[in-house]
Amino acid sequence: MSKTLLIEIRNVSLITLLLGIIQILITIPAGYFGIPSILGTLLGCFIAMVNFSLMGIILEKCLSTGRAASSIAGFGYIFRLCIIAAAVIWAMKVSYLNYVCVIVPLLFPQIAIFFINIKRRKESGGNERT
């Protein structure tokens, strides 16, 4: 893995964990706070971080290979989707996980990337259009 990928994984993971803590704090006044919501949020954040890391590793592998890039990307997508589906189905079948608290953190890496891009635009003076 490249140094840039490791930095991006770290940044997205930290923001994902921060958003997970915020999610747990939101469940307190909403009346859903408890062990299932904490465990669900932890599982959701973990799956989101693993999914993002695998995506970065697979895309880096696709860039380094030639002809097999589309098959590697396709297999990687299906593999990551299966991991997410297994976590959500598991959370829906057991009583010790709040399945909503598992599903919501799956969106946190996208939110993290949005915030990271805003920060980069401000640092570059707004000239960057990515």
N, C-alpha and C. Protein backbone atom coordinates (compact mmCIF):
# COMPACT_ATOMS: atom_id res chain seq x y z
N MET A 1 0.84 -1.19 0.00
CA MET A 1 0.00 0.00 0.00
C MET A 1 0.88 1.24 0.00
N SER A 2 0.42 2.22 -0.72
CA SER A 2 1.18 3.47 -0.79
C SER A 2 0.95 4.31 0.46
N LYS A 3 1.85 5.23 0.65
CA LYS A 3 1.75 6.13 1.80
C LYS A 3 0.50 7.00 1.71
N THR A 4 0.15 7.42 0.51
CA THR A 4 -1.04 8.25 0.32
C THR A 4 -2.30 7.49 0.71
N LEU A 5 -2.38 6.22 0.31
CA LEU A 5 -3.54 5.41 0.66
C LEU A 5 -3.65 5.23 2.16
N LEU A 6 -2.54 4.98 2.82
CA LEU A 6 -2.56 4.83 4.28
C LEU A 6 -3.03 6.10 4.97
N ILE A 7 -2.61 7.25 4.46
CA ILE A 7 -3.04 8.52 5.04
C ILE A 7 -4.55 8.72 4.84
N GLU A 8 -5.03 8.39 3.65
CA GLU A 8 -6.47 8.53 3.39
C GLU A 8 -7.29 7.58 4.24
N ILE A 9 -6.83 6.35 4.39
CA ILE A 9 -7.53 5.39 5.24
C ILE A 9 -7.56 5.89 6.67
N ARG A 10 -6.45 6.43 7.16
CA ARG A 10 -6.40 6.96 8.52
C ARG A 10 -7.38 8.13 8.69
N ASN A 11 -7.37 9.06 7.74
CA ASN A 11 -8.25 10.23 7.83
C ASN A 11 -9.72 9.83 7.82
N VAL A 12 -10.09 8.97 6.89
CA VAL A 12 -11.49 8.53 6.79
C VAL A 12 -11.88 7.73 8.02
N SER A 13 -10.98 6.90 8.53
CA SER A 13 -11.28 6.09 9.71
C SER A 13 -11.50 6.96 10.94
N LEU A 14 -10.68 7.98 11.11
CA LEU A 14 -10.84 8.87 12.27
C LEU A 14 -12.17 9.61 12.22
N ILE A 15 -12.54 10.11 11.05
CA ILE A 15 -13.81 10.81 10.94
C ILE A 15 -14.97 9.83 11.11
N THR A 16 -14.83 8.61 10.61
CA THR A 16 -15.86 7.60 10.78
C THR A 16 -16.06 7.28 12.25
N LEU A 17 -14.97 7.15 13.00
CA LEU A 17 -15.09 6.90 14.44
C LEU A 17 -15.72 8.08 15.16
N LEU A 18 -15.36 9.29 14.77
CA LEU A 18 -15.96 10.49 15.37
C LEU A 18 -17.47 10.53 15.10
N LEU A 19 -17.86 10.23 13.89
CA LEU A 19 -19.29 10.20 13.56
C LEU A 19 -20.00 9.07 14.30
N GLY A 20 -19.29 7.96 14.54
CA GLY A 20 -19.87 6.86 15.33
C GLY A 20 -20.13 7.29 16.77
N ILE A 21 -19.21 8.05 17.34
CA ILE A 21 -19.41 8.56 18.70
C ILE A 21 -20.60 9.52 18.73
N ILE A 22 -20.69 10.36 17.70
CA ILE A 22 -21.84 11.28 17.62
C ILE A 22 -23.13 10.49 17.51
N GLN A 23 -23.13 9.42 16.73
CA GLN A 23 -24.32 8.59 16.59
C GLN A 23 -24.74 7.99 17.93
N ILE A 24 -23.77 7.50 18.69
CA ILE A 24 -24.09 6.93 20.01
C ILE A 24 -24.67 8.01 20.92
N LEU A 25 -24.10 9.21 20.86
CA LEU A 25 -24.62 10.30 21.68
C LEU A 25 -26.03 10.70 21.27
N ILE A 26 -26.35 10.58 19.99
CA ILE A 26 -27.69 10.92 19.52
C ILE A 26 -28.71 9.89 20.00
N THR A 27 -28.28 8.65 20.18
CA THR A 27 -29.23 7.62 20.63
C THR A 27 -29.66 7.82 22.08
N ILE A 28 -28.89 8.58 22.85
CA ILE A 28 -29.25 8.80 24.26
C ILE A 28 -30.57 9.55 24.38
N PRO A 29 -30.70 10.78 23.82
CA PRO A 29 -31.99 11.45 23.97
C PRO A 29 -33.10 10.83 23.13
N ALA A 30 -32.73 10.07 22.09
CA ALA A 30 -33.75 9.45 21.25
C ALA A 30 -34.39 8.23 21.92
N GLY A 31 -33.80 7.76 23.00
CA GLY A 31 -34.37 6.64 23.73
C GLY A 31 -33.92 5.28 23.24
N TYR A 32 -32.94 5.22 22.36
CA TYR A 32 -32.46 3.94 21.84
C TYR A 32 -31.10 3.55 22.40
N PHE A 33 -30.61 4.31 23.35
CA PHE A 33 -29.28 4.04 23.89
C PHE A 33 -29.29 2.72 24.66
N GLY A 34 -28.26 1.94 24.45
CA GLY A 34 -28.10 0.68 25.14
C GLY A 34 -26.99 -0.12 24.49
N ILE A 35 -26.76 -1.30 25.02
CA ILE A 35 -25.70 -2.17 24.48
C ILE A 35 -25.93 -2.48 23.00
N PRO A 36 -27.18 -2.79 22.56
CA PRO A 36 -27.36 -3.06 21.12
C PRO A 36 -26.98 -1.89 20.22
N SER A 37 -27.25 -0.67 20.65
CA SER A 37 -26.89 0.48 19.81
C SER A 37 -25.39 0.71 19.80
N ILE A 38 -24.74 0.49 20.93
CA ILE A 38 -23.28 0.65 20.98
C ILE A 38 -22.61 -0.41 20.13
N LEU A 39 -23.01 -1.67 20.30
CA LEU A 39 -22.42 -2.76 19.52
C LEU A 39 -22.73 -2.60 18.03
N GLY A 40 -23.95 -2.17 17.72
CA GLY A 40 -24.31 -1.95 16.32
C GLY A 40 -23.47 -0.85 15.68
N THR A 41 -23.26 0.23 16.42
CA THR A 41 -22.46 1.32 15.89
C THR A 41 -21.01 0.88 15.70
N LEU A 42 -20.47 0.14 16.66
CA LEU A 42 -19.10 -0.35 16.53
C LEU A 42 -18.95 -1.27 15.32
N LEU A 43 -19.91 -2.18 15.14
CA LEU A 43 -19.85 -3.08 13.99
C LEU A 43 -19.99 -2.30 12.69
N GLY A 44 -20.92 -1.36 12.64
CA GLY A 44 -21.11 -0.56 11.44
C GLY A 44 -19.88 0.25 11.07
N CYS A 45 -19.26 0.87 12.06
CA CYS A 45 -18.04 1.64 11.82
C CYS A 45 -16.90 0.74 11.35
N PHE A 46 -16.78 -0.43 11.98
CA PHE A 46 -15.73 -1.37 11.59
C PHE A 46 -15.93 -1.83 10.14
N ILE A 47 -17.15 -2.21 9.80
CA ILE A 47 -17.43 -2.67 8.43
C ILE A 47 -17.19 -1.53 7.43
N ALA A 48 -17.57 -0.31 7.79
CA ALA A 48 -17.36 0.83 6.90
C ALA A 48 -15.87 1.08 6.66
N MET A 49 -15.07 0.98 7.72
CA MET A 49 -13.63 1.20 7.58
C MET A 49 -12.97 0.07 6.78
N VAL A 50 -13.40 -1.17 7.02
CA VAL A 50 -12.86 -2.30 6.25
C VAL A 50 -13.24 -2.16 4.78
N ASN A 51 -14.48 -1.78 4.53
CA ASN A 51 -14.95 -1.61 3.16
C ASN A 51 -14.14 -0.53 2.44
N PHE A 52 -13.93 0.60 3.09
CA PHE A 52 -13.16 1.68 2.48
C PHE A 52 -11.71 1.25 2.24
N SER A 53 -11.12 0.56 3.22
CA SER A 53 -9.74 0.11 3.06
C SER A 53 -9.61 -0.88 1.91
N LEU A 54 -10.53 -1.84 1.84
CA LEU A 54 -10.49 -2.81 0.75
C LEU A 54 -10.68 -2.13 -0.61
N MET A 55 -11.57 -1.14 -0.66
CA MET A 55 -11.77 -0.41 -1.91
C MET A 55 -10.47 0.26 -2.36
N GLY A 56 -9.78 0.91 -1.42
CA GLY A 56 -8.52 1.56 -1.76
C GLY A 56 -7.46 0.58 -2.21
N ILE A 57 -7.36 -0.54 -1.51
CA ILE A 57 -6.36 -1.56 -1.87
C ILE A 57 -6.68 -2.14 -3.25
N ILE A 58 -7.94 -2.43 -3.50
CA ILE A 58 -8.33 -3.01 -4.78
C ILE A 58 -8.11 -2.03 -5.92
N LEU A 59 -8.46 -0.77 -5.71
CA LEU A 59 -8.24 0.23 -6.77
C LEU A 59 -6.75 0.45 -7.04
N GLU A 60 -5.95 0.42 -6.00
CA GLU A 60 -4.50 0.53 -6.19
C GLU A 60 -3.97 -0.67 -6.98
N LYS A 61 -4.49 -1.85 -6.69
CA LYS A 61 -4.10 -3.06 -7.41
C LYS A 61 -4.53 -2.97 -8.87
N CYS A 62 -5.72 -2.43 -9.12
CA CYS A 62 -6.21 -2.27 -10.50
C CYS A 62 -5.31 -1.34 -11.30
N LEU A 63 -4.83 -0.28 -10.66
CA LEU A 63 -3.96 0.66 -11.35
C LEU A 63 -2.61 0.06 -11.68
N SER A 64 -2.15 -0.89 -10.86
CA SER A 64 -0.84 -1.49 -11.10
C SER A 64 -0.90 -2.64 -12.10
N THR A 65 -2.08 -3.20 -12.33
CA THR A 65 -2.20 -4.29 -13.30
C THR A 65 -2.73 -3.74 -14.61
N GLY A 66 -2.58 -4.52 -15.62
CA GLY A 66 -3.01 -4.07 -16.94
C GLY A 66 -4.38 -4.58 -17.32
N ARG A 67 -4.41 -5.71 -17.99
CA ARG A 67 -5.65 -6.21 -18.58
C ARG A 67 -6.64 -6.74 -17.57
N ALA A 68 -6.18 -7.24 -16.46
CA ALA A 68 -7.07 -7.88 -15.48
C ALA A 68 -7.74 -6.89 -14.54
N ALA A 69 -7.61 -5.62 -14.79
CA ALA A 69 -8.12 -4.61 -13.87
C ALA A 69 -9.63 -4.69 -13.72
N SER A 70 -10.35 -4.90 -14.80
CA SER A 70 -11.81 -4.92 -14.69
C SER A 70 -12.30 -6.14 -13.92
N SER A 71 -11.65 -7.27 -14.08
CA SER A 71 -12.07 -8.46 -13.32
C SER A 71 -11.72 -8.32 -11.84
N ILE A 72 -10.58 -7.72 -11.54
CA ILE A 72 -10.21 -7.49 -10.13
C ILE A 72 -11.20 -6.51 -9.50
N ALA A 73 -11.54 -5.45 -10.21
CA ALA A 73 -12.48 -4.47 -9.68
C ALA A 73 -13.86 -5.08 -9.49
N GLY A 74 -14.30 -5.89 -10.42
CA GLY A 74 -15.60 -6.54 -10.31
C GLY A 74 -15.66 -7.52 -9.15
N PHE A 75 -14.63 -8.34 -9.00
CA PHE A 75 -14.58 -9.27 -7.88
C PHE A 75 -14.52 -8.52 -6.56
N GLY A 76 -13.73 -7.45 -6.52
CA GLY A 76 -13.61 -6.65 -5.29
C GLY A 76 -14.93 -6.02 -4.90
N TYR A 77 -15.67 -5.54 -5.88
CA TYR A 77 -16.97 -4.93 -5.60
C TYR A 77 -17.93 -5.96 -5.01
N ILE A 78 -18.01 -7.13 -5.63
CA ILE A 78 -18.90 -8.20 -5.15
C ILE A 78 -18.47 -8.65 -3.75
N PHE A 79 -17.18 -8.78 -3.52
CA PHE A 79 -16.66 -9.20 -2.22
C PHE A 79 -17.02 -8.19 -1.14
N ARG A 80 -16.83 -6.91 -1.42
CA ARG A 80 -17.17 -5.86 -0.45
C ARG A 80 -18.67 -5.80 -0.20
N LEU A 81 -19.45 -5.98 -1.23
CA LEU A 81 -20.90 -5.98 -1.09
C LEU A 81 -21.36 -7.16 -0.23
N CYS A 82 -20.72 -8.31 -0.39
CA CYS A 82 -21.06 -9.49 0.43
C CYS A 82 -20.74 -9.26 1.90
N ILE A 83 -19.63 -8.59 2.17
CA ILE A 83 -19.28 -8.29 3.56
C ILE A 83 -20.34 -7.38 4.19
N ILE A 84 -20.75 -6.36 3.46
CA ILE A 84 -21.78 -5.44 3.97
C ILE A 84 -23.09 -6.19 4.18
N ALA A 85 -23.48 -6.99 3.19
CA ALA A 85 -24.75 -7.73 3.30
C ALA A 85 -24.72 -8.69 4.47
N ALA A 86 -23.60 -9.37 4.69
CA ALA A 86 -23.50 -10.30 5.81
C ALA A 86 -23.65 -9.58 7.15
N ALA A 87 -23.02 -8.40 7.27
CA ALA A 87 -23.12 -7.64 8.52
C ALA A 87 -24.54 -7.16 8.76
N VAL A 88 -25.21 -6.67 7.72
CA VAL A 88 -26.58 -6.17 7.89
C VAL A 88 -27.54 -7.31 8.21
N ILE A 89 -27.41 -8.43 7.51
CA ILE A 89 -28.28 -9.57 7.78
C ILE A 89 -28.05 -10.10 9.19
N TRP A 90 -26.79 -10.18 9.59
CA TRP A 90 -26.47 -10.63 10.94
C TRP A 90 -27.13 -9.71 11.97
N ALA A 91 -27.00 -8.40 11.74
CA ALA A 91 -27.58 -7.43 12.69
C ALA A 91 -29.10 -7.53 12.75
N MET A 92 -29.73 -7.87 11.64
CA MET A 92 -31.19 -7.98 11.63
C MET A 92 -31.67 -9.26 12.28
N LYS A 93 -30.82 -10.28 12.32
CA LYS A 93 -31.24 -11.58 12.86
C LYS A 93 -31.01 -11.72 14.36
N VAL A 94 -30.10 -10.95 14.94
CA VAL A 94 -29.78 -11.11 16.36
C VAL A 94 -30.39 -9.95 17.16
N SER A 95 -30.58 -10.20 18.42
CA SER A 95 -31.20 -9.16 19.26
C SER A 95 -30.18 -8.26 19.95
N TYR A 96 -28.92 -8.65 19.94
CA TYR A 96 -27.91 -7.85 20.64
C TYR A 96 -27.26 -6.80 19.75
N LEU A 97 -27.75 -6.61 18.53
CA LEU A 97 -27.28 -5.56 17.64
C LEU A 97 -28.47 -4.76 17.14
N ASN A 98 -28.37 -3.45 17.19
CA ASN A 98 -29.39 -2.59 16.60
C ASN A 98 -29.04 -2.43 15.13
N TYR A 99 -29.88 -2.97 14.25
CA TYR A 99 -29.53 -3.00 12.83
C TYR A 99 -29.48 -1.59 12.21
N VAL A 100 -30.25 -0.66 12.73
CA VAL A 100 -30.18 0.72 12.21
C VAL A 100 -28.82 1.32 12.55
N CYS A 101 -28.33 1.02 13.74
CA CYS A 101 -27.01 1.52 14.15
C CYS A 101 -25.88 0.83 13.40
N VAL A 102 -26.16 -0.27 12.74
CA VAL A 102 -25.17 -0.92 11.87
C VAL A 102 -25.21 -0.29 10.48
N ILE A 103 -26.40 0.00 9.99
CA ILE A 103 -26.54 0.50 8.62
C ILE A 103 -26.07 1.94 8.47
N VAL A 104 -26.41 2.81 9.42
CA VAL A 104 -26.09 4.24 9.29
C VAL A 104 -24.58 4.49 9.15
N PRO A 105 -23.70 3.83 9.93
CA PRO A 105 -22.27 4.11 9.76
C PRO A 105 -21.69 3.71 8.41
N LEU A 106 -22.42 2.93 7.64
CA LEU A 106 -21.92 2.58 6.31
C LEU A 106 -21.86 3.81 5.40
N LEU A 107 -22.57 4.86 5.78
CA LEU A 107 -22.53 6.11 5.02
C LEU A 107 -21.42 7.06 5.50
N PHE A 108 -20.85 6.77 6.66
CA PHE A 108 -19.87 7.68 7.25
C PHE A 108 -18.63 7.91 6.40
N PRO A 109 -18.05 6.90 5.70
CA PRO A 109 -16.89 7.21 4.85
C PRO A 109 -17.21 8.22 3.74
N GLN A 110 -18.42 8.17 3.19
CA GLN A 110 -18.80 9.15 2.17
C GLN A 110 -18.88 10.55 2.77
N ILE A 111 -19.42 10.64 3.96
CA ILE A 111 -19.49 11.93 4.65
C ILE A 111 -18.08 12.41 4.98
N ALA A 112 -17.22 11.49 5.41
CA ALA A 112 -15.84 11.85 5.72
C ALA A 112 -15.12 12.38 4.49
N ILE A 113 -15.30 11.74 3.36
CA ILE A 113 -14.66 12.20 2.12
C ILE A 113 -15.17 13.58 1.75
N PHE A 114 -16.46 13.82 1.94
CA PHE A 114 -17.03 15.14 1.68
C PHE A 114 -16.35 16.21 2.53
N PHE A 115 -16.20 15.95 3.83
CA PHE A 115 -15.56 16.92 4.72
C PHE A 115 -14.08 17.10 4.38
N ILE A 116 -13.40 16.03 4.04
CA ILE A 116 -11.98 16.11 3.68
C ILE A 116 -11.82 16.96 2.42
N ASN A 117 -12.69 16.78 1.45
CA ASN A 117 -12.62 17.58 0.22
C ASN A 117 -12.89 19.05 0.48
N ILE A 118 -13.84 19.36 1.36
CA ILE A 118 -14.10 20.76 1.72
C ILE A 118 -12.87 21.38 2.36
N LYS A 119 -12.23 20.63 3.27
CA LYS A 119 -11.03 21.13 3.95
C LYS A 119 -9.91 21.38 2.94
N ARG A 120 -9.74 20.46 1.99
CA ARG A 120 -8.69 20.63 0.98
C ARG A 120 -8.95 21.83 0.08
N ARG A 121 -10.21 22.06 -0.26
CA ARG A 121 -10.54 23.22 -1.08
C ARG A 121 -10.24 24.52 -0.36
N LYS A 122 -10.56 24.57 0.94
CA LYS A 122 -10.27 25.77 1.72
C LYS A 122 -8.77 26.01 1.84
N GLU A 123 -7.99 24.92 2.00
CA GLU A 123 -6.54 25.06 2.13
C GLU A 123 -5.91 25.50 0.82
N SER A 124 -6.50 25.07 -0.30
CA SER A 124 -5.92 25.44 -1.60
C SER A 124 -6.46 26.76 -2.12
N GLY A 125 -7.34 27.39 -1.36
CA GLY A 125 -7.88 28.68 -1.77
C GLY A 125 -9.09 28.58 -2.67
N GLY A 126 -9.69 27.39 -2.76
CA GLY A 126 -10.90 27.21 -3.56
C GLY A 126 -10.64 27.05 -5.04
N ASN A 127 -9.37 26.92 -5.45
CA ASN A 127 -9.05 26.79 -6.86
C ASN A 127 -9.17 25.37 -7.38
N GLU A 128 -9.21 24.40 -6.49
CA GLU A 128 -9.26 22.99 -6.87
C GLU A 128 -10.69 22.57 -7.16
N ARG A 129 -10.93 21.89 -8.27
CA ARG A 129 -12.28 21.46 -8.65
C ARG A 129 -12.31 19.94 -8.76
N THR A 130 -12.20 19.23 -7.65
CA THR A 130 -12.22 17.77 -7.67
C THR A 130 -13.43 17.25 -6.98
